Amino acid sequence: MLIHSKELSWVIATISLTLGVFFRNVIGFKISVIMIEIGVFSMSYYLVQRGISNQVPKFIVAQRKLSLSLWIMAAGATIGILTIIQSMLSNSGLINTTFLAIGAAILIGGCAALVVSVRFASQ
């Protein structure tokens, strides 16, 4: 059985968001943040791929902008995840909140660009 990237992203998003939100006290804050960022990106990727594969006119028109938005979201998630991993590997264990905030802002900016590009795409 072959799993396509769209279905795989749905599975990853569901698992990581469930673990990150509901089991935060069990897995810890740092791992929870990583799981939520992966889940948000995977869910966005799934929704974009589903819209494109279903030939939704707005998604077809805004395909380039949606791809750019996903790249922006990936950059923000990567910055946030690398900041958390760096804090986990350091001796002090302190999180560099500046880089974490920058990563979160870029991720949210990518989400906003995704929504705006679909909303204002001409049919």
C-alpha atoms as a PDB file:
ATOM      1  CA  MET A   1       0.000   0.000   0.000  1.00  0.00           C
ATOM      2  CA  LEU A   2       1.476   3.295  -1.103  1.00  0.00           C
ATOM      3  CA  ILE A   3       0.894   6.358   1.061  1.00  0.00           C
ATOM      4  CA  HIS A   4       0.946   9.669  -0.777  1.00  0.00           C
ATOM      5  CA  SER A   5       2.441  12.803   0.737  1.00  0.00           C
ATOM      6  CA  LYS A   6      -1.024  14.279   1.252  1.00  0.00           C
ATOM      7  CA  GLU A   7      -2.210  11.374   3.412  1.00  0.00           C
ATOM      8  CA  LEU A   8       1.136  11.168   5.190  1.00  0.00           C
ATOM      9  CA  SER A   9       0.961  14.856   6.092  1.00  0.00           C
ATOM     10  CA  TRP A  10      -2.547  14.303   7.507  1.00  0.00           C
ATOM     11  CA  VAL A  11      -1.308  11.445   9.696  1.00  0.00           C
ATOM     12  CA  ILE A  12       1.732  13.427  10.873  1.00  0.00           C
ATOM     13  CA  ALA A  13      -0.421  16.480  11.622  1.00  0.00           C
ATOM     14  CA  THR A  14      -2.994  14.490  13.571  1.00  0.00           C
ATOM     15  CA  ILE A  15      -0.444  12.617  15.656  1.00  0.00           C
ATOM     16  CA  SER A  16       1.826  15.568  16.376  1.00  0.00           C
ATOM     17  CA  LEU A  17      -0.977  17.994  17.235  1.00  0.00           C
ATOM     18  CA  THR A  18      -2.626  15.408  19.496  1.00  0.00           C
ATOM     19  CA  LEU A  19       0.641  14.672  21.295  1.00  0.00           C
ATOM     20  CA  GLY A  20       1.652  18.319  21.501  1.00  0.00           C
ATOM     21  CA  VAL A  21      -1.632  19.624  22.856  1.00  0.00           C
ATOM     22  CA  PHE A  22      -3.089  16.841  24.988  1.00  0.00           C
ATOM     23  CA  PHE A  23       0.088  15.207  26.346  1.00  0.00           C
ATOM     24  CA  ARG A  24       2.028  18.385  27.064  1.00  0.00           C
ATOM     25  CA  ASN A  25       2.483  17.511  30.740  1.00  0.00           C
ATOM     26  CA  VAL A  26       3.702  14.024  29.879  1.00  0.00           C
ATOM     27  CA  ILE A  27       6.180  14.815  27.097  1.00  0.00           C
ATOM     28  CA  GLY A  28       7.303  18.214  28.362  1.00  0.00           C
ATOM     29  CA  PHE A  29       7.055  21.770  27.113  1.00  0.00           C
ATOM     30  CA  LYS A  30       9.957  21.683  24.675  1.00  0.00           C
ATOM     31  CA  ILE A  31       8.877  18.528  22.858  1.00  0.00           C
ATOM     32  CA  SER A  32       5.311  19.849  22.873  1.00  0.00           C
ATOM     33  CA  VAL A  33       6.359  23.017  21.034  1.00  0.00           C
ATOM     34  CA  ILE A  34       8.236  20.952  18.445  1.00  0.00           C
ATOM     35  CA  MET A  35       5.226  18.684  17.903  1.00  0.00           C
ATOM     36  CA  ILE A  36       2.819  21.603  17.531  1.00  0.00           C
ATOM     37  CA  GLU A  37       5.033  23.379  14.982  1.00  0.00           C
ATOM     38  CA  ILE A  38       5.365  20.187  12.949  1.00  0.00           C
ATOM     39  CA  GLY A  39       1.612  19.645  13.200  1.00  0.00           C
ATOM     40  CA  VAL A  40       0.717  23.156  12.058  1.00  0.00           C
ATOM     41  CA  PHE A  41       2.995  22.913   9.031  1.00  0.00           C
ATOM     42  CA  SER A  42       1.790  19.409   8.134  1.00  0.00           C
ATOM     43  CA  MET A  43      -1.859  20.426   8.413  1.00  0.00           C
ATOM     44  CA  SER A  44      -1.277  23.450   6.168  1.00  0.00           C
ATOM     45  CA  TYR A  45       0.549  21.296   3.625  1.00  0.00           C
ATOM     46  CA  TYR A  46      -2.322  18.797   3.662  1.00  0.00           C
ATOM     47  CA  LEU A  47      -4.948  21.484   3.107  1.00  0.00           C
ATOM     48  CA  VAL A  48      -3.030  23.065   0.219  1.00  0.00           C
ATOM     49  CA  GLN A  49      -2.393  19.718  -1.473  1.00  0.00           C
ATOM     50  CA  ARG A  50      -6.015  18.694  -1.016  1.00  0.00           C
ATOM     51  CA  GLY A  51      -7.244  21.926  -2.583  1.00  0.00           C
ATOM     52  CA  ILE A  52      -4.878  21.567  -5.537  1.00  0.00           C
ATOM     53  CA  SER A  53      -5.635  17.880  -6.114  1.00  0.00           C
ATOM     54  CA  ASN A  54      -9.383  18.535  -5.964  1.00  0.00           C
ATOM     55  CA  GLN A  55      -8.942  21.230  -8.632  1.00  0.00           C
ATOM     56  CA  VAL A  56     -10.427  23.977  -6.458  1.00  0.00           C
ATOM     57  CA  PRO A  57     -10.212  27.095  -8.674  1.00  0.00           C
ATOM     58  CA  LYS A  58      -8.870  29.425  -5.982  1.00  0.00           C
ATOM     59  CA  PHE A  59      -6.112  26.978  -5.104  1.00  0.00           C
ATOM     60  CA  ILE A  60      -5.131  26.504  -8.738  1.00  0.00           C
ATOM     61  CA  VAL A  61      -4.941  30.259  -9.324  1.00  0.00           C
ATOM     62  CA  ALA A  62      -2.933  30.892  -6.146  1.00  0.00           C
ATOM     63  CA  GLN A  63      -0.694  27.826  -6.425  1.00  0.00           C
ATOM     64  CA  ARG A  64       2.581  29.781  -6.612  1.00  0.00           C
ATOM     65  CA  LYS A  65       1.645  31.999  -3.680  1.00  0.00           C
ATOM     66  CA  LEU A  66       0.584  28.971  -1.661  1.00  0.00           C
ATOM     67  CA  SER A  67       3.924  27.282  -2.320  1.00  0.00           C
ATOM     68  CA  LEU A  68       5.759  30.414  -1.213  1.00  0.00           C
ATOM     69  CA  SER A  69       3.603  30.564   1.921  1.00  0.00           C
ATOM     70  CA  LEU A  70       4.455  26.945   2.731  1.00  0.00           C
ATOM     71  CA  TRP A  71       8.166  27.710   2.318  1.00  0.00           C
ATOM     72  CA  ILE A  72       7.832  30.666   4.682  1.00  0.00           C
ATOM     73  CA  MET A  73       6.044  28.463   7.201  1.00  0.00           C
ATOM     74  CA  ALA A  74       8.748  25.803   6.865  1.00  0.00           C
ATOM     75  CA  ALA A  75      11.439  28.406   7.553  1.00  0.00           C
ATOM     76  CA  GLY A  76       9.645  29.626  10.676  1.00  0.00           C
ATOM     77  CA  ALA A  77       9.068  26.097  11.955  1.00  0.00           C
ATOM     78  CA  THR A  78      12.706  25.214  11.305  1.00  0.00           C
ATOM     79  CA  ILE A  79      13.963  28.233  13.257  1.00  0.00           C
ATOM     80  CA  GLY A  80      11.677  27.394  16.174  1.00  0.00           C
ATOM     81  CA  ILE A  81      12.557  23.708  16.194  1.00  0.00           C
ATOM     82  CA  LEU A  82      16.305  24.353  15.954  1.00  0.00           C
ATOM     83  CA  THR A  83      16.054  26.842  18.823  1.00  0.00           C
ATOM     84  CA  ILE A  84      14.332  24.249  21.008  1.00  0.00           C
ATOM     85  CA  ILE A  85      16.824  21.528  20.055  1.00  0.00           C
ATOM     86  CA  GLN A  86      19.743  23.864  20.802  1.00  0.00           C
ATOM     87  CA  SER A  87      18.310  24.590  24.252  1.00  0.00           C
ATOM     88  CA  MET A  88      17.849  20.869  24.888  1.00  0.00           C
ATOM     89  CA  LEU A  89      21.479  20.175  23.985  1.00  0.00           C
ATOM     90  CA  SER A  90      23.005  23.081  25.909  1.00  0.00           C
ATOM     91  CA  ASN A  91      24.191  22.750  29.471  1.00  0.00           C
ATOM     92  CA  SER A  92      21.935  25.482  30.811  1.00  0.00           C
ATOM     93  CA  GLY A  93      18.766  24.279  29.097  1.00  0.00           C
ATOM     94  CA  LEU A  94      17.516  27.838  28.687  1.00  0.00           C
ATOM     95  CA  ILE A  95      15.514  28.703  25.589  1.00  0.00           C
ATOM     96  CA  ASN A  96      16.619  31.671  23.502  1.00  0.00           C
ATOM     97  CA  THR A  97      13.250  33.379  23.471  1.00  0.00           C
ATOM     98  CA  THR A  98      14.304  35.881  20.818  1.00  0.00           C
ATOM     99  CA  PHE A  99      14.912  33.190  18.205  1.00  0.00           C
ATOM    100  CA  LEU A 100      11.830  31.281  19.322  1.00  0.00           C
ATOM    101  CA  ALA A 101       9.720  34.421  18.902  1.00  0.00           C
ATOM    102  CA  ILE A 102      11.258  35.119  15.477  1.00  0.00           C
ATOM    103  CA  GLY A 103      10.502  31.559  14.356  1.00  0.00           C
ATOM    104  CA  ALA A 104       6.947  31.786  15.654  1.00  0.00           C
ATOM    105  CA  ALA A 105       6.430  35.145  13.947  1.00  0.00           C
ATOM    106  CA  ILE A 106       7.677  33.787  10.622  1.00  0.00           C
ATOM    107  CA  LEU A 107       5.446  30.709  10.995  1.00  0.00           C
ATOM    108  CA  ILE A 108       2.412  32.866  11.766  1.00  0.00           C
ATOM    109  CA  GLY A 109       3.305  35.201   8.889  1.00  0.00           C
ATOM    110  CA  GLY A 110       3.366  32.205   6.546  1.00  0.00           C
ATOM    111  CA  CYS A 111      -0.039  31.106   7.858  1.00  0.00           C
ATOM    112  CA  ALA A 112      -1.397  34.606   7.260  1.00  0.00           C
ATOM    113  CA  ALA A 113       0.059  34.673   3.741  1.00  0.00           C
ATOM    114  CA  LEU A 114      -1.572  31.303   3.079  1.00  0.00           C
ATOM    115  CA  VAL A 115      -4.989  32.523   4.170  1.00  0.00           C
ATOM    116  CA  VAL A 116      -4.694  35.848   2.340  1.00  0.00           C
ATOM    117  CA  SER A 117      -3.533  34.228  -0.905  1.00  0.00           C
ATOM    118  CA  VAL A 118      -6.520  31.862  -0.929  1.00  0.00           C
ATOM    119  CA  ARG A 119      -8.982  34.514   0.180  1.00  0.00           C
ATOM    120  CA  PHE A 120      -8.044  37.083  -2.427  1.00  0.00           C
ATOM    121  CA  ALA A 121      -7.352  34.735  -5.337  1.00  0.00           C
ATOM    122  CA  SER A 122      -9.525  35.476  -8.334  1.00  0.00           C
ATOM    123  CA  GLN A 123     -11.650  32.611  -9.568  1.00  0.00           C
END
